[in-house]
Structure formats: C-alpha cells, structure tokens
C-alpha cells in the first residue's frame, strides 16, 4: 500500500473465517446479557430470518470506530478481529467506541465463546442413545463401506497433519467424552439392526468430507463444516452435541480426516 493511502471499508470474509466465527460464537450476539440467536429458522427452514451483523473489533476502515490504520485489509477481515452482534448492539458499540474500546470487545467475544463451550460441554454429557439414533439415522445413506474398529484415540500427529487448531481440538475433547456411548450404539446397530450401518455412516462422512475438501475447506473450517453436517447448525444444542460426539468418535477410527503418518 502506498504511503498515505487510506483503507476503505472492504468486507471480504472467507468461508473458512465465517465457519469458525459462527461455530465458536454459537451463532449468538456477543453483547453481555443478549445472546440472541442471530439466525432464526422458526417453522420455515427454507426462509430463515437472519439478524447477523459481523462486527469489526478494530475498524474495517481507517476512519471507522476503533480503527487501527496499521492493520492490513486481510487482518481486519480475519477471525481475531471479528465478532457477531445483533443489529441493536452493533450500532451501540460502533456509535460509542470510547465506551466500547478494543479490549472490551475482545473480552465480550471471549466471554461468549466460553459460554458456548460450557453449554456444549454440558449438552454432550446429556446425550443418550436416543439422540445418537436421530443423528445417525439421518446421516446414513448410500452403499456400505468397510467399517473400522470401534475405538477412538485421536493422535496428536493426526491433529497436526490435518491442520486442526485450538477450536477443533476443544470440540474434539468435548465430543470424545461420549465416544464409548457412540461405540456401543454402533455395535448394537450392527448386531441387531443392520450390519452395514457403521459402514454406511462412515460413507456419509467420507462423502461430505470429500465434497467440502473439493470446495477448498481445510483445517478448522473443514472440521466445523463437518460438525454442522453431523448435528445441524445453531439452535438444537442437544442434536449438535450428539453430532459432535459421532464426529469426534469417527475422527479416530476412520479416514474422514487424513491419517497420521
């Protein structure tokens, strides 16, 4: 950039950035006491009401609220500088940048992500075979593939090889709490309902993994997208938790992600 050139408001968020941002925020407004779910599907899932405002912690433009002219356009539109707010609180924080400086908004974002993490952790503990049945039956389709051993042990090398950072590692840790329940459920389905069931479930994830990979998703954004595929997007927390438990279990037992070297 030439000296003295002003960076205008250029909002260009990558799909990878948006996936991680929405996942860690639970699709909720970060303003304390609000926590409004910003995409409301209501009864018409084909026409959801989207109240999402993607807010910049440090201004999107040089003359914006909390601006930092030293930041590149890419850094301004990257995950660390973004947060989700409802329209009301987005206007509030931008109209009063002195009251809501950078450090305050960074704290708001961190508080929201901890709140989402704690709720998801609590929901995973409540997952039963009934929730797993809803999730897995919805996912199973196509022709069976050979099923792997029903034992999940995510390796550090496998995490590194797939470029999975802190967001995915946290989610995997949460989901792995119910790995024994998932293993037991799949064994019972194979023994009592359909021996092809675990293989069909695996194929569902492999097919979606390949589709997302071909779209260019990698690392945490790919993991988030598979989590959405497994349990749906924000709204039904228990179903999300069940989907995460299944994904975390399969992460270690099949080739949805690249194997460790």
Protein backbone atom coordinates (compact mmCIF):
# COMPACT_ATOMS: atom_id res chain seq x y z
CA UNK A 1 0.00 0.00 0.00
CA UNK A 2 1.35 3.43 -0.90
CA UNK A 3 2.20 5.85 1.87
CA UNK A 4 -0.81 7.88 2.93
CA UNK A 5 -3.30 5.59 1.16
CA UNK A 6 -6.47 5.10 3.16
CA UNK A 7 -8.03 1.70 3.59
CA UNK A 8 -11.76 1.91 2.95
CA UNK A 9 -14.48 -0.42 4.14
CA UNK A 10 -13.75 -3.64 2.25
CA UNK A 11 -15.58 -6.56 3.78
CA UNK A 12 -14.42 -9.80 2.28
CA UNK A 13 -14.74 -12.72 4.67
CA UNK A 14 -13.54 -16.14 3.61
CA UNK A 15 -15.80 -19.15 4.09
CA UNK A 16 -13.15 -20.58 6.41
CA UNK A 17 -13.27 -17.48 8.62
CA UNK A 18 -17.07 -17.43 8.76
CA UNK A 19 -17.31 -21.14 9.61
CA UNK A 20 -15.03 -20.77 12.64
CA UNK A 21 -16.57 -17.46 13.73
CA UNK A 22 -20.14 -18.79 13.71
CA UNK A 23 -19.19 -22.10 15.31
CA UNK A 24 -17.29 -20.63 18.24
CA UNK A 25 -19.96 -17.98 18.84
CA UNK A 26 -22.84 -20.43 18.56
CA UNK A 27 -24.43 -18.01 16.12
CA UNK A 28 -25.27 -15.68 19.03
CA UNK A 29 -24.81 -12.00 19.80
CA UNK A 30 -21.69 -11.44 21.90
CA UNK A 31 -23.04 -8.49 23.85
CA UNK A 32 -23.38 -9.48 27.54
CA UNK A 33 -26.93 -10.29 28.52
CA UNK A 34 -28.15 -10.57 24.92
CA UNK A 35 -27.09 -13.94 23.47
CA UNK A 36 -29.76 -13.60 20.76
CA UNK A 37 -29.64 -16.47 18.26
CA UNK A 38 -28.98 -14.49 15.11
CA UNK A 39 -30.35 -16.93 12.53
CA UNK A 40 -33.91 -17.93 13.39
CA UNK A 41 -35.27 -20.69 11.20
CA UNK A 42 -38.59 -20.82 13.01
CA UNK A 43 -41.11 -23.04 11.24
CA UNK A 44 -39.86 -22.25 7.75
CA UNK A 45 -36.35 -23.67 7.42
CA UNK A 46 -36.21 -22.60 3.75
CA UNK A 47 -36.57 -18.90 4.59
CA UNK A 48 -34.72 -18.17 7.85
CA UNK A 49 -34.63 -14.75 9.47
CA UNK A 50 -31.00 -13.59 9.55
CA UNK A 51 -30.22 -10.86 12.08
CA UNK A 52 -26.47 -11.36 11.94
CA UNK A 53 -24.16 -8.37 11.99
CA UNK A 54 -20.47 -9.19 11.59
CA UNK A 55 -18.77 -6.51 13.65
CA UNK A 56 -15.15 -5.40 13.46
CA UNK A 57 -13.33 -5.05 16.77
CA UNK A 58 -10.81 -2.75 15.12
CA UNK A 59 -12.46 -0.68 12.42
CA UNK A 60 -12.99 -2.03 8.92
CA UNK A 61 -11.97 1.41 7.60
CA UNK A 62 -9.27 3.83 8.71
CA UNK A 63 -11.94 6.27 9.86
CA UNK A 64 -14.13 3.61 11.46
CA UNK A 65 -14.68 3.03 15.17
CA UNK A 66 -11.60 1.68 17.00
CA UNK A 67 -9.61 1.96 13.74
CA UNK A 68 -6.03 0.74 13.52
CA UNK A 69 -4.53 2.01 10.25
CA UNK A 70 -1.57 -0.34 10.67
CA UNK A 71 -3.83 -3.38 10.13
CA UNK A 72 -3.98 -4.82 6.63
CA UNK A 73 -7.33 -5.42 4.95
CA UNK A 74 -6.82 -9.16 5.41
CA UNK A 75 -6.21 -8.76 9.14
CA UNK A 76 -9.26 -6.54 9.54
CA UNK A 77 -11.45 -9.23 8.00
CA UNK A 78 -9.84 -12.18 9.81
CA UNK A 79 -11.37 -14.15 12.67
CA UNK A 80 -9.39 -12.47 15.51
CA UNK A 81 -10.85 -9.07 14.55
CA UNK A 82 -14.45 -10.18 14.05
CA UNK A 83 -17.38 -10.86 16.35
CA UNK A 84 -21.10 -11.45 15.94
CA UNK A 85 -23.58 -8.88 17.23
CA UNK A 86 -27.27 -8.27 16.78
CA UNK A 87 -28.17 -5.07 14.88
CA UNK A 88 -29.01 -3.17 18.07
CA UNK A 89 -25.73 -3.92 19.86
CA UNK A 90 -23.65 -3.48 16.71
CA UNK A 91 -24.95 0.07 16.38
CA UNK A 92 -24.44 0.66 20.11
CA UNK A 93 -20.77 -0.35 20.20
CA UNK A 94 -19.92 1.48 16.98
CA UNK A 95 -21.74 4.66 17.98
CA UNK A 96 -19.88 4.70 21.32
CA UNK A 97 -16.33 3.47 20.65
CA UNK A 98 -14.99 5.22 23.75
CA UNK A 99 -17.39 3.25 25.92
CA UNK A 100 -16.64 0.04 24.00
CA UNK A 101 -12.91 0.08 23.16
CA UNK A 102 -10.98 -2.82 21.65
CA UNK A 103 -10.16 -4.51 24.95
CA UNK A 104 -13.83 -4.50 26.00
CA UNK A 105 -14.99 -6.10 22.74
CA UNK A 106 -12.21 -8.69 22.87
CA UNK A 107 -13.43 -9.61 26.36
CA UNK A 108 -17.05 -9.80 25.16
CA UNK A 109 -16.04 -12.16 22.37
CA UNK A 110 -14.05 -14.37 24.74
CA UNK A 111 -16.93 -14.48 27.23
CA UNK A 112 -19.37 -15.57 24.52
CA UNK A 113 -17.07 -18.32 23.25
CA UNK A 114 -16.60 -19.64 26.79
CA UNK A 115 -20.38 -19.59 27.29
CA UNK A 116 -20.89 -21.58 24.08
CA UNK A 117 -18.13 -24.02 25.04
CA UNK A 118 -19.62 -24.57 28.50
CA UNK A 119 -23.13 -25.13 27.12
CA UNK A 120 -21.90 -27.60 24.52
CA UNK A 121 -19.88 -29.47 27.15
CA UNK A 122 -22.96 -29.75 29.35
CA UNK A 123 -25.09 -30.87 26.39
CA UNK A 124 -22.65 -33.62 25.38
CA UNK A 125 -22.93 -35.14 28.84
CA UNK A 126 -26.70 -35.32 28.37
CA UNK A 127 -26.50 -37.14 25.01
CA UNK A 128 -28.11 -40.58 25.07
CA UNK A 129 -28.60 -43.34 22.51
CA UNK A 130 -31.86 -41.66 21.52
CA UNK A 131 -30.07 -38.53 20.28
CA UNK A 132 -27.41 -40.62 18.56
CA UNK A 133 -30.14 -42.60 16.82
CA UNK A 134 -31.75 -39.44 15.43
CA UNK A 135 -28.44 -38.09 14.17
CA UNK A 136 -27.05 -41.32 12.74
CA UNK A 137 -30.23 -42.47 11.02
CA UNK A 138 -30.47 -39.09 9.36
CA UNK A 139 -26.90 -39.35 8.07
CA UNK A 140 -26.84 -42.96 6.89
CA UNK A 141 -27.30 -43.38 3.15
CA UNK A 142 -25.69 -44.93 0.08
CA UNK A 143 -23.72 -48.15 -0.18
CA UNK A 144 -21.74 -49.58 2.71
CA UNK A 145 -18.01 -49.22 3.09
CA UNK A 146 -15.80 -51.41 5.28
CA UNK A 147 -16.10 -50.28 8.88
CA UNK A 148 -13.12 -49.65 11.10
CA UNK A 149 -12.54 -50.81 14.66
CA UNK A 150 -14.95 -49.04 17.01
CA UNK A 151 -12.28 -47.40 19.13
CA UNK A 152 -11.41 -43.72 19.08
CA UNK A 153 -7.97 -42.45 20.02
CA UNK A 154 -7.18 -39.15 18.26
CA UNK A 155 -3.42 -38.87 17.79
CA UNK A 156 -1.52 -35.60 18.14
CA UNK A 157 0.14 -36.23 14.79
CA UNK A 158 -3.25 -36.69 13.14
CA UNK A 159 -4.38 -33.33 14.53
CA UNK A 160 -1.26 -31.63 13.19
CA UNK A 161 -1.43 -33.38 9.82
CA UNK A 162 -4.94 -32.06 9.29
CA UNK A 163 -4.13 -28.54 10.43
CA UNK A 164 -6.61 -28.66 13.29
CA UNK A 165 -6.03 -25.85 15.76
CA UNK A 166 -7.42 -24.89 19.13
CA UNK A 167 -11.10 -24.59 18.06
CA UNK A 168 -11.23 -28.14 16.66
CA UNK A 169 -9.13 -29.59 19.46
CA UNK A 170 -11.53 -28.19 22.04
CA UNK A 171 -14.53 -29.57 20.18
CA UNK A 172 -12.89 -32.98 19.78
CA UNK A 173 -12.12 -33.09 23.50
CA UNK A 174 -15.75 -32.32 24.28
CA UNK A 175 -17.10 -34.87 21.82
CA UNK A 176 -14.74 -37.63 22.91
CA UNK A 177 -16.45 -37.68 26.31
CA UNK A 178 -19.20 -39.75 24.68
CA UNK A 179 -17.00 -41.93 22.47
CA UNK A 180 -17.78 -45.10 24.47
CA UNK A 181 -21.51 -44.40 24.07
CA UNK A 182 -21.10 -43.94 20.31
CA UNK A 183 -19.07 -47.15 20.02
CA UNK A 184 -21.68 -49.08 21.97
CA UNK A 185 -24.50 -47.63 19.88
CA UNK A 186 -22.81 -48.56 16.58
CA UNK A 187 -22.02 -52.07 17.80
CA UNK A 188 -25.64 -52.61 18.81
CA UNK A 189 -26.92 -51.24 15.49
CA UNK A 190 -24.58 -53.55 13.57
CA UNK A 191 -25.52 -56.59 15.67
CA UNK A 192 -29.26 -56.06 15.99
CA UNK A 193 -30.45 -53.85 13.14
CA UNK A 194 -28.15 -53.77 10.10
CA UNK A 195 -24.55 -54.96 9.95
CA UNK A 196 -23.93 -52.34 7.24
CA UNK A 197 -24.97 -49.43 9.47
CA UNK A 198 -21.48 -48.39 10.73
CA UNK A 199 -20.10 -48.59 7.19
CA UNK A 200 -22.95 -46.52 5.78
CA UNK A 201 -22.42 -43.91 8.48
CA UNK A 202 -18.74 -43.78 7.66
CA UNK A 203 -19.54 -43.36 3.97
CA UNK A 204 -21.82 -40.42 4.73
CA UNK A 205 -18.96 -38.61 6.45
CA UNK A 206 -16.38 -39.54 3.81
CA UNK A 207 -18.66 -38.30 1.02
CA UNK A 208 -19.27 -34.99 2.79
CA UNK A 209 -15.58 -34.65 3.67
CA UNK A 210 -14.64 -35.05 0.01
CA UNK A 211 -17.28 -32.53 -1.07
CA UNK A 212 -16.04 -29.93 1.43
CA UNK A 213 -12.41 -30.63 0.52
CA UNK A 214 -13.20 -30.02 -3.15
CA UNK A 215 -14.81 -26.71 -2.16
CA UNK A 216 -11.48 -25.67 -0.65
CA UNK A 217 -12.19 -26.06 3.06
CA UNK A 218 -9.29 -27.17 5.23
CA UNK A 219 -8.35 -27.43 8.89
CA UNK A 220 -10.69 -25.92 11.46
CA UNK A 221 -13.19 -24.66 8.89
CA UNK A 222 -13.48 -28.17 7.44
CA UNK A 223 -13.98 -29.64 10.91
CA UNK A 224 -16.66 -27.04 11.68
CA UNK A 225 -18.46 -27.77 8.42
CA UNK A 226 -18.48 -31.50 9.19
CA UNK A 227 -19.82 -30.70 12.66
CA UNK A 228 -22.69 -28.78 11.08
CA UNK A 229 -23.28 -31.68 8.70
CA UNK A 230 -23.44 -34.08 11.65
CA UNK A 231 -25.57 -32.13 14.07
CA UNK A 232 -27.08 -29.19 12.26
CA UNK A 233 -26.42 -25.53 12.79
CA UNK A 234 -27.11 -23.39 15.85
CA UNK A 235 -30.44 -23.90 17.56
CA UNK A 236 -30.77 -27.54 18.63
CA UNK A 237 -27.92 -27.83 21.11
CA UNK A 238 -28.52 -31.45 22.10
CA UNK A 239 -28.55 -32.57 18.48
CA UNK A 240 -25.36 -30.60 17.83
CA UNK A 241 -23.78 -32.33 20.81
CA UNK A 242 -24.81 -35.76 19.52
CA UNK A 243 -23.42 -34.96 16.07
CA UNK A 244 -20.16 -33.76 17.60
CA UNK A 245 -19.87 -36.97 19.62
CA UNK A 246 -20.27 -39.05 16.45
CA UNK A 247 -17.75 -36.93 14.50
CA UNK A 248 -15.21 -36.99 17.33
CA UNK A 249 -15.51 -40.76 17.57
CA UNK A 250 -15.15 -41.30 13.83
CA UNK A 251 -12.20 -38.92 13.68
CA UNK A 252 -10.11 -41.54 15.38
CA UNK A 253 -11.49 -44.71 13.81
CA UNK A 254 -11.77 -43.99 10.10
CA UNK A 255 -10.31 -41.93 7.28
CA UNK A 256 -12.70 -38.97 7.37
CA UNK A 257 -9.55 -36.95 8.05
CA UNK A 258 -6.08 -37.84 6.85
CA UNK A 259 -4.37 -40.50 8.93
CA UNK A 260 -1.30 -39.72 10.99
CA UNK A 261 1.93 -40.50 9.20
